[in-house]
Amino acid sequence: MSDVVPTSLIDAVLERRGWQKVEAGDRVSLWANPEATGSPEMYVPHGLHQGGFEWSDIARRVAEVAGVTATAIETEIEMGRYDVVRVRVPEARGGTVPLEAGSTLVSATRVMLRAAATTARRPQQRIKSYSKLGDEVVRGARLAHTERGSMIFPVLLLLDEPPEDKSEPLAGFDSITPESDQRRVTRTLAEALSLYNRTVIQKAVEPKAVDMGPLIAAGGSREMFRQVQQVLRDPELGVLDVGFAWAAVEQPRGQAVERVGISSDAIDLVDRTVQLLSKLEPRPRSIVTGPIYTISHATDGPVHIAIQAAGLNGHLQKVELTVSADRRSDLHKWMDAGITVTASGRIQTQPGMPARLLDVDGPVPLDETIFQSE
C-alpha cells in the first residue's frame, strides 16, 4: 500500500466500526460514535500517512471503543481494499504440511477462483473455455503469508475503485453502485460453495438433476467441483475449509458468507455432482444472475429493473427486464439488501442498446430457487 492512506478507505473502516461523520471539511472530518460510552468524537485528517503519529493515535482510539488491539485496527485499514479467500489446512503437524498436499490446496483454490471468475460472467455447468476477462481478475490475486497460529493460505483480491457517479437522481429511478469485478468473483465462489453445502452436503441425500439448476445459477460448475474432489481425496487434507473476509471499501450487502467446510465424508456426493454437471444438457433459456442495481417505474405502471449480469461477450453489463407492478416492494427490498437474484428467459440484443430479457421467469432471490427445486 501507499504511505498515504486514501480517505475513502479510512471512512469505510470507521463506518464499519459504528462511527458516523458529523462534519466534513476540506482537510479534516469530525467523527463520532453514538453507541460508545461518552459518545467519543475525533478529528480525522484527510490523507493520513501510514505509520505516522496521527495514524497510530486514530487506530488506538478506534481500538479502545471497539475493544480490540490497535494492531487489529491498523491491519483492518491496511486490508480494507482486499477481499480475502482463506483456505485452511486441517491439523497441520508442527505447523507444516507435505509439499504435495500444500500444492494441491493452492492449485485447487486457483482453479476454483478461475471457474468462479468465468461463471460470474455467464453461468454454465461445463466450462469449455475460461473467460479472458475473468482470468485477468484471477491474475491480479496475490498469495499472502500463512497466518500465525494455524496453517492458512490467504488469497488477496484488490478491489477496483468504484466509478464516481455525478449524475442527478431521476424521479422514480433508484440505483446502487455496481459490484467491482473482483467482488463479483469472490461473491460467486462464496455463494456457489455455500449453496452447495446447504442444499446437497448438509442434506446428505444423493443430488439429482433438479438440484443442479440453482447451483448453476449461483456460479457452480463441473470445473469448480472437480477441485473440491481433488482436495477431499488428498489423504493429507480431506477437508475443504474456506473462509471469506470482505473488503471494507465495498461492504457486502445481504448475508455475506463467512466460511464453508466440506469433509471427505461427502466425497460420494461430490462425485455424483461432478457426474451430473458433466452429463446435463445445456439449458435452452438464458440464466441471468446478479444483484439488482437500478429500478425505475411510473406511479402505477410496470417496474423496469437492471441486473448486473453478463453479456454475450463475457463483459459484465446490465440486463434489463420488466416486472409487474405488484412486485415493486420486493424488488426494492432485494436491491436495498444486496440480495443476489436470478431470472431466466430469452436474451434480446440490439446494437447500441442494453440487453433485454424477454419471456421472463422471475426474478427471485437465489436462495429461493432451492425451495422451488424441492
Protein backbone atom coordinates (compact mmCIF):
# COMPACT_ATOMS: atom_id res chain seq x y z
CA MET A 1 0.00 0.00 0.00
CA SER A 2 0.98 3.64 -0.45
CA ASP A 3 2.31 5.68 2.50
CA VAL A 4 -0.74 7.93 2.14
CA VAL A 5 -3.95 6.08 3.03
CA PRO A 6 -6.95 7.03 0.85
CA THR A 7 -9.61 8.95 2.76
CA SER A 8 -12.30 6.65 1.34
CA LEU A 9 -10.58 3.68 2.98
CA ILE A 10 -10.42 5.33 6.42
CA ASP A 11 -14.08 6.34 6.07
CA ALA A 12 -15.10 2.78 5.18
CA VAL A 13 -13.38 1.24 8.22
CA LEU A 14 -14.79 3.86 10.60
CA GLU A 15 -18.31 3.31 9.26
CA ARG A 16 -17.89 -0.45 9.64
CA ARG A 17 -16.90 0.14 13.29
CA GLY A 18 -20.01 2.23 14.01
CA TRP A 19 -18.57 5.75 13.65
CA GLN A 20 -20.54 8.49 11.91
CA LYS A 21 -19.20 11.53 10.08
CA VAL A 22 -20.54 14.63 11.86
CA GLU A 23 -18.74 17.34 9.86
CA ALA A 24 -16.78 17.11 6.61
CA GLY A 25 -14.09 19.68 5.85
CA ASP A 26 -11.53 20.16 3.13
CA ARG A 27 -8.65 18.86 5.26
CA VAL A 28 -10.24 17.06 8.23
CA SER A 29 -13.55 15.48 9.17
CA LEU A 30 -15.18 15.17 12.58
CA TRP A 31 -16.34 11.66 13.50
CA ALA A 32 -18.44 10.44 16.45
CA ASN A 33 -19.52 7.05 17.76
CA PRO A 34 -23.00 7.44 19.30
CA GLU A 35 -23.09 3.84 20.55
CA ALA A 36 -19.94 4.15 22.65
CA THR A 37 -19.78 5.26 26.26
CA GLY A 38 -19.44 9.03 26.44
CA SER A 39 -20.13 9.37 22.68
CA PRO A 40 -16.44 9.98 21.80
CA GLU A 41 -15.52 12.31 18.97
CA MET A 42 -12.30 12.72 17.00
CA TYR A 43 -10.94 14.66 14.05
CA VAL A 44 -9.55 12.58 11.19
CA PRO A 45 -7.20 14.28 8.70
CA HIS A 46 -7.60 13.50 5.02
CA GLY A 47 -4.67 11.59 3.55
CA LEU A 48 -3.27 10.00 6.70
CA HIS A 49 0.31 8.79 6.45
CA GLN A 50 0.61 5.12 7.36
CA GLY A 51 2.80 4.62 10.43
CA GLY A 52 2.71 8.29 11.46
CA PHE A 53 1.62 9.68 14.84
CA GLU A 54 -1.91 10.56 13.69
CA TRP A 55 -2.33 7.12 12.13
CA SER A 56 -1.33 5.41 15.39
CA ASP A 57 -3.47 7.71 17.52
CA ILE A 58 -6.62 7.15 15.45
CA ALA A 59 -6.05 3.38 15.40
CA ARG A 60 -5.66 3.42 19.19
CA ARG A 61 -8.85 5.44 19.77
CA VAL A 62 -10.94 3.29 17.44
CA ALA A 63 -9.50 0.14 19.06
CA GLU A 64 -10.40 1.35 22.57
CA VAL A 65 -14.03 1.81 21.59
CA ALA A 66 -14.14 -1.50 19.67
CA GLY A 67 -12.44 -3.49 22.42
CA VAL A 68 -9.66 -4.78 20.14
CA THR A 69 -5.96 -4.03 19.75
CA ALA A 70 -4.65 -1.05 17.83
CA THR A 71 -2.74 -3.50 15.64
CA ALA A 72 -6.04 -5.14 14.65
CA ILE A 73 -7.43 -1.77 13.52
CA GLU A 74 -4.25 -0.93 11.60
CA THR A 75 -4.45 -4.30 9.83
CA GLU A 76 -8.14 -3.71 9.08
CA ILE A 77 -7.28 -0.40 7.42
CA GLU A 78 -4.33 -1.89 5.52
CA MET A 79 -6.54 -4.71 4.21
CA GLY A 80 -9.59 -2.53 3.67
CA ARG A 81 -9.49 -2.75 -0.14
CA TYR A 82 -8.97 -6.52 -0.28
CA ASP A 83 -11.38 -9.41 -0.39
CA VAL A 84 -9.62 -12.38 1.21
CA VAL A 85 -10.23 -16.06 0.50
CA ARG A 86 -8.66 -18.13 3.29
CA VAL A 87 -8.06 -21.83 2.67
CA ARG A 88 -7.16 -23.79 5.78
CA VAL A 89 -5.01 -26.91 6.14
CA PRO A 90 -6.58 -29.16 8.80
CA GLU A 91 -4.42 -30.36 11.67
CA ALA A 92 -1.06 -29.36 10.22
CA ARG A 93 1.59 -31.25 12.19
CA GLY A 94 4.24 -28.97 13.65
CA GLY A 95 2.98 -26.11 11.52
CA THR A 96 3.93 -27.88 8.31
CA VAL A 97 2.16 -29.83 5.59
CA PRO A 98 3.58 -32.13 2.89
CA LEU A 99 4.61 -30.08 -0.12
CA GLU A 100 2.38 -32.10 -2.45
CA ALA A 101 -0.70 -31.52 -0.26
CA GLY A 102 0.02 -27.81 0.03
CA SER A 103 0.45 -27.62 -3.72
CA THR A 104 -2.89 -29.43 -4.24
CA LEU A 105 -4.70 -26.97 -1.98
CA VAL A 106 -3.23 -23.83 -3.55
CA SER A 107 -3.74 -25.17 -7.09
CA ALA A 108 -7.35 -26.15 -6.34
CA THR A 109 -8.04 -22.70 -4.90
CA ARG A 110 -6.67 -21.03 -8.03
CA VAL A 111 -8.82 -23.17 -10.34
CA MET A 112 -11.95 -22.64 -8.21
CA LEU A 113 -11.39 -18.89 -8.40
CA ARG A 114 -10.80 -19.17 -12.13
CA ALA A 115 -14.02 -21.14 -12.57
CA ALA A 116 -15.94 -18.62 -10.45
CA ALA A 117 -14.47 -15.76 -12.50
CA THR A 118 -15.89 -17.40 -15.63
CA THR A 119 -19.33 -18.37 -14.28
CA ALA A 120 -19.64 -14.95 -12.62
CA ARG A 121 -19.85 -13.63 -16.18
CA ARG A 122 -22.06 -16.39 -17.58
CA PRO A 123 -23.50 -19.29 -15.53
CA GLN A 124 -22.61 -22.61 -17.15
CA GLN A 125 -22.45 -26.18 -15.93
CA ARG A 126 -19.37 -27.11 -18.01
CA ILE A 127 -16.68 -24.58 -18.84
CA LYS A 128 -15.40 -25.14 -22.36
CA SER A 129 -13.19 -22.05 -22.37
CA TYR A 130 -12.34 -19.79 -19.47
CA SER A 131 -13.26 -16.11 -19.63
CA LYS A 132 -10.29 -13.93 -20.62
CA LEU A 133 -11.69 -11.05 -18.56
CA GLY A 134 -12.23 -13.38 -15.61
CA ASP A 135 -8.67 -14.65 -15.93
CA GLU A 136 -7.43 -11.05 -15.69
CA VAL A 137 -9.09 -10.77 -12.26
CA VAL A 138 -7.53 -14.03 -11.08
CA ARG A 139 -4.09 -12.99 -12.36
CA GLY A 140 -4.36 -9.99 -10.05
CA ALA A 141 -4.85 -12.23 -6.99
CA ARG A 142 -1.96 -12.48 -4.52
CA LEU A 143 -0.98 -15.31 -2.18
CA ALA A 144 -0.06 -13.90 1.24
CA HIS A 145 1.85 -15.37 4.20
CA THR A 146 0.25 -18.24 6.09
CA GLU A 147 -1.40 -16.80 9.17
CA ARG A 148 0.22 -17.33 12.55
CA GLY A 149 -1.40 -19.92 14.80
CA SER A 150 -2.84 -22.06 12.03
CA MET A 151 -2.00 -23.26 8.55
CA ILE A 152 -3.98 -20.84 6.40
CA PHE A 153 -3.20 -19.62 2.90
CA PRO A 154 -4.79 -16.19 2.36
CA VAL A 155 -5.53 -15.24 -1.27
CA LEU A 156 -5.98 -11.48 -1.71
CA LEU A 157 -8.05 -9.75 -4.38
CA LEU A 158 -7.56 -5.99 -4.59
CA LEU A 159 -10.88 -4.33 -5.40
CA ASP A 160 -11.09 -1.66 -8.09
CA GLU A 161 -12.14 1.82 -7.01
CA PRO A 162 -15.87 2.33 -7.72
CA PRO A 163 -16.62 4.74 -10.56
CA GLU A 164 -17.67 8.20 -9.45
CA ASP A 165 -21.33 8.88 -10.23
CA LYS A 166 -22.00 12.59 -10.71
CA SER A 167 -25.45 12.21 -12.26
CA GLU A 168 -28.55 13.62 -10.57
CA PRO A 169 -31.13 11.02 -9.46
CA LEU A 170 -34.31 10.99 -11.54
CA ALA A 171 -37.82 10.78 -10.14
CA GLY A 172 -38.96 7.16 -9.91
CA PHE A 173 -35.42 5.89 -10.50
CA ASP A 174 -33.33 4.24 -7.76
CA SER A 175 -29.85 2.79 -8.10
CA ILE A 176 -26.86 1.48 -6.15
CA THR A 177 -23.16 1.26 -7.03
CA PRO A 178 -22.48 -1.88 -9.09
CA GLU A 179 -20.09 -4.53 -7.78
CA SER A 180 -16.44 -4.44 -8.72
CA ASP A 181 -15.20 -7.28 -10.94
CA GLN A 182 -13.15 -8.67 -8.06
CA ARG A 183 -16.06 -8.66 -5.59
CA ARG A 184 -18.26 -10.44 -8.11
CA VAL A 185 -15.70 -13.25 -8.40
CA THR A 186 -15.32 -13.63 -4.62
CA ARG A 187 -19.08 -13.49 -4.07
CA THR A 188 -19.73 -16.06 -6.81
CA LEU A 189 -17.26 -18.53 -5.30
CA ALA A 190 -18.64 -17.98 -1.79
CA GLU A 191 -22.30 -18.26 -2.80
CA ALA A 192 -21.77 -21.33 -5.01
CA LEU A 193 -19.88 -23.24 -2.30
CA SER A 194 -22.28 -22.13 0.45
CA LEU A 195 -25.38 -23.01 -1.57
CA TYR A 196 -23.91 -26.41 -2.42
CA ASN A 197 -23.03 -27.07 1.21
CA ARG A 198 -26.56 -26.23 2.39
CA THR A 199 -28.56 -27.93 -0.37
CA VAL A 200 -26.50 -31.05 -1.07
CA ILE A 201 -23.86 -31.77 1.59
CA GLN A 202 -25.87 -30.97 4.71
CA LYS A 203 -28.90 -32.87 3.39
CA ALA A 204 -26.68 -35.94 2.84
CA VAL A 205 -29.03 -37.13 0.08
CA GLU A 206 -27.79 -38.07 -3.38
CA PRO A 207 -28.18 -34.99 -5.59
CA LYS A 208 -30.47 -35.11 -8.60
CA ALA A 209 -30.57 -33.13 -11.83
CA VAL A 210 -33.21 -30.80 -10.36
CA ASP A 211 -30.72 -29.74 -7.65
CA MET A 212 -28.25 -28.51 -10.24
CA GLY A 213 -30.37 -25.60 -11.56
CA PRO A 214 -29.89 -23.31 -8.52
CA LEU A 215 -26.25 -24.39 -8.26
CA ILE A 216 -25.51 -23.46 -11.87
CA ALA A 217 -27.35 -20.14 -11.44
CA ALA A 218 -25.15 -19.39 -8.40
CA GLY A 219 -21.99 -19.97 -10.45
CA GLY A 220 -21.27 -23.61 -9.66
CA SER A 221 -19.67 -25.64 -12.44
CA ARG A 222 -18.14 -29.04 -13.11
CA GLU A 223 -14.68 -27.45 -13.06
CA MET A 224 -15.24 -25.90 -9.62
CA PHE A 225 -16.38 -29.16 -8.03
CA ARG A 226 -13.62 -31.19 -9.64
CA GLN A 227 -11.27 -29.13 -7.47
CA VAL A 228 -13.36 -29.94 -4.40
CA GLN A 229 -12.84 -33.60 -5.35
CA GLN A 230 -9.08 -33.12 -5.55
CA VAL A 231 -8.88 -31.62 -2.07
CA LEU A 232 -11.15 -34.19 -0.42
CA ARG A 233 -9.26 -37.11 -1.98
CA ASP A 234 -5.87 -35.92 -0.77
CA PRO A 235 -5.09 -38.04 2.34
CA GLU A 236 -3.23 -35.15 3.99
CA LEU A 237 -6.15 -32.77 3.51
CA GLY A 238 -9.54 -34.49 3.40
CA VAL A 239 -11.37 -31.24 4.15
CA LEU A 240 -12.11 -28.16 2.09
CA ASP A 241 -12.24 -25.31 4.62
CA VAL A 242 -12.64 -21.88 3.01
CA GLY A 243 -13.19 -18.58 4.82
CA PHE A 244 -14.11 -15.23 3.31
CA ALA A 245 -13.26 -11.73 4.58
CA TRP A 246 -14.87 -8.82 2.75
CA ALA A 247 -13.18 -5.51 1.93
CA ALA A 248 -14.39 -2.54 3.96
CA VAL A 249 -14.48 -0.26 0.90
CA GLU A 250 -17.22 -2.41 -0.67
CA GLN A 251 -19.33 -3.64 2.19
CA PRO A 252 -21.11 -6.90 1.37
CA ARG A 253 -24.82 -6.34 1.10
CA GLY A 254 -27.13 -9.02 2.38
CA GLN A 255 -25.99 -12.07 4.32
CA ALA A 256 -22.31 -12.43 3.48
CA VAL A 257 -20.79 -15.92 3.52
CA GLU A 258 -18.04 -16.19 6.14
CA ARG A 259 -16.95 -19.82 5.95
CA VAL A 260 -17.70 -23.09 4.16
CA GLY A 261 -16.45 -26.51 5.22
CA ILE A 262 -16.84 -29.79 3.32
CA SER A 263 -15.24 -33.02 4.62
CA SER A 264 -14.15 -36.20 2.86
CA ASP A 265 -17.23 -37.96 4.28
CA ALA A 266 -19.13 -36.23 1.47
CA ILE A 267 -16.89 -37.41 -1.37
CA ASP A 268 -19.61 -39.64 -2.88
CA LEU A 269 -21.98 -36.66 -3.07
CA VAL A 270 -19.28 -34.55 -4.74
CA ASP A 271 -18.56 -37.36 -7.21
CA ARG A 272 -22.25 -37.55 -8.09
CA THR A 273 -22.40 -33.77 -8.52
CA VAL A 274 -19.49 -33.78 -10.96
CA GLN A 275 -21.16 -36.60 -12.92
CA LEU A 276 -24.42 -34.64 -13.16
CA LEU A 277 -22.70 -31.45 -14.24
CA SER A 278 -20.80 -33.43 -16.88
CA LYS A 279 -23.92 -35.02 -18.39
CA LEU A 280 -26.71 -32.45 -18.12
CA GLU A 281 -27.92 -30.93 -21.35
CA PRO A 282 -27.42 -27.16 -21.73
CA ARG A 283 -30.48 -25.10 -20.84
CA PRO A 284 -32.37 -23.64 -23.80
CA ARG A 285 -33.14 -20.44 -21.85
CA SER A 286 -30.58 -17.94 -20.62
CA ILE A 287 -29.97 -17.57 -16.90
CA VAL A 288 -29.25 -14.09 -15.54
CA THR A 289 -27.80 -13.89 -12.03
CA GLY A 290 -26.58 -10.91 -10.01
CA PRO A 291 -27.67 -8.01 -7.84
CA ILE A 292 -30.36 -5.55 -8.92
CA TYR A 293 -28.76 -2.14 -9.25
CA THR A 294 -31.37 0.06 -10.91
CA ILE A 295 -35.16 0.26 -10.55
CA SER A 296 -37.44 2.67 -12.37
CA HIS A 297 -41.21 2.90 -12.58
CA ALA A 298 -44.14 5.24 -13.05
CA THR A 299 -46.68 5.64 -10.27
CA ASP A 300 -48.80 2.60 -11.10
CA GLY A 301 -47.07 1.07 -14.13
CA PRO A 302 -44.76 -1.91 -14.50
CA VAL A 303 -41.33 -1.90 -12.92
CA HIS A 304 -38.19 -1.77 -15.08
CA ILE A 305 -35.08 -3.18 -13.44
CA ALA A 306 -31.48 -3.85 -14.42
CA ILE A 307 -29.44 -6.76 -13.09
CA GLN A 308 -25.65 -6.59 -13.12
CA ALA A 309 -25.03 -9.72 -15.13
CA ALA A 310 -23.00 -10.94 -18.09
CA GLY A 311 -23.31 -10.01 -21.71
CA LEU A 312 -22.88 -12.45 -24.55
CA ASN A 313 -19.26 -11.33 -24.96
CA GLY A 314 -18.41 -12.02 -21.31
CA HIS A 315 -18.29 -8.35 -20.26
CA LEU A 316 -20.35 -7.50 -17.20
CA GLN A 317 -23.24 -5.30 -18.20
CA LYS A 318 -26.78 -4.51 -17.24
CA VAL A 319 -29.54 -6.78 -18.43
CA GLU A 320 -32.93 -5.08 -18.39
CA LEU A 321 -36.27 -6.74 -17.74
CA THR A 322 -39.80 -5.63 -16.94
CA VAL A 323 -41.69 -6.91 -13.91
CA SER A 324 -45.32 -6.40 -12.85
CA ALA A 325 -46.14 -3.52 -10.52
CA ASP A 326 -47.29 -5.81 -7.69
CA ARG A 327 -43.68 -6.93 -7.17
CA ARG A 328 -42.31 -3.41 -6.68
CA SER A 329 -41.91 -3.72 -2.90
CA ASP A 330 -39.96 -6.99 -3.13
CA LEU A 331 -37.68 -5.62 -5.83
CA HIS A 332 -36.76 -2.56 -3.74
CA LYS A 333 -36.20 -4.78 -0.71
CA TRP A 334 -33.88 -7.09 -2.63
CA MET A 335 -31.90 -4.20 -4.13
CA ASP A 336 -31.52 -2.40 -0.80
CA ALA A 337 -30.38 -5.62 0.91
CA GLY A 338 -27.97 -6.51 -1.90
CA ILE A 339 -29.60 -9.91 -2.41
CA THR A 340 -28.43 -11.89 -5.43
CA VAL A 341 -31.38 -12.65 -7.71
CA THR A 342 -31.79 -14.91 -10.69
CA ALA A 343 -34.14 -14.89 -13.67
CA SER A 344 -34.40 -16.83 -16.92
CA GLY A 345 -35.73 -16.03 -20.35
CA ARG A 346 -34.72 -15.18 -23.90
CA ILE A 347 -31.91 -12.64 -24.29
CA GLN A 348 -32.55 -9.93 -26.89
CA THR A 349 -29.68 -7.74 -28.04
CA GLN A 350 -29.64 -4.72 -30.36
CA PRO A 351 -26.63 -2.62 -31.41
CA GLY A 352 -26.14 0.31 -29.05
CA MET A 353 -28.88 -0.87 -26.66
CA PRO A 354 -28.70 -2.74 -23.32
CA ALA A 355 -29.53 -6.43 -23.42
CA ARG A 356 -33.12 -7.30 -22.52
CA LEU A 357 -34.57 -10.47 -21.03
CA LEU A 358 -37.90 -11.50 -22.58
CA ASP A 359 -40.47 -14.13 -21.57
CA VAL A 360 -39.16 -13.68 -18.06
CA ASP A 361 -39.38 -16.30 -15.34
CA GLY A 362 -38.51 -14.49 -12.10
CA PRO A 363 -36.62 -12.72 -10.75
CA VAL A 364 -36.39 -14.45 -7.39
CA PRO A 365 -33.68 -14.43 -4.73
CA LEU A 366 -31.09 -17.08 -5.49
CA ASP A 367 -31.79 -18.87 -2.19
CA GLU A 368 -35.49 -19.21 -3.06
CA THR A 369 -34.65 -21.31 -6.11
CA ILE A 370 -33.68 -24.02 -3.64
CA PHE A 371 -37.24 -24.33 -2.45
CA GLN A 372 -38.62 -24.12 -5.98
CA SER A 373 -36.46 -27.08 -6.98
CA GLU A 374 -37.72 -29.06 -4.00
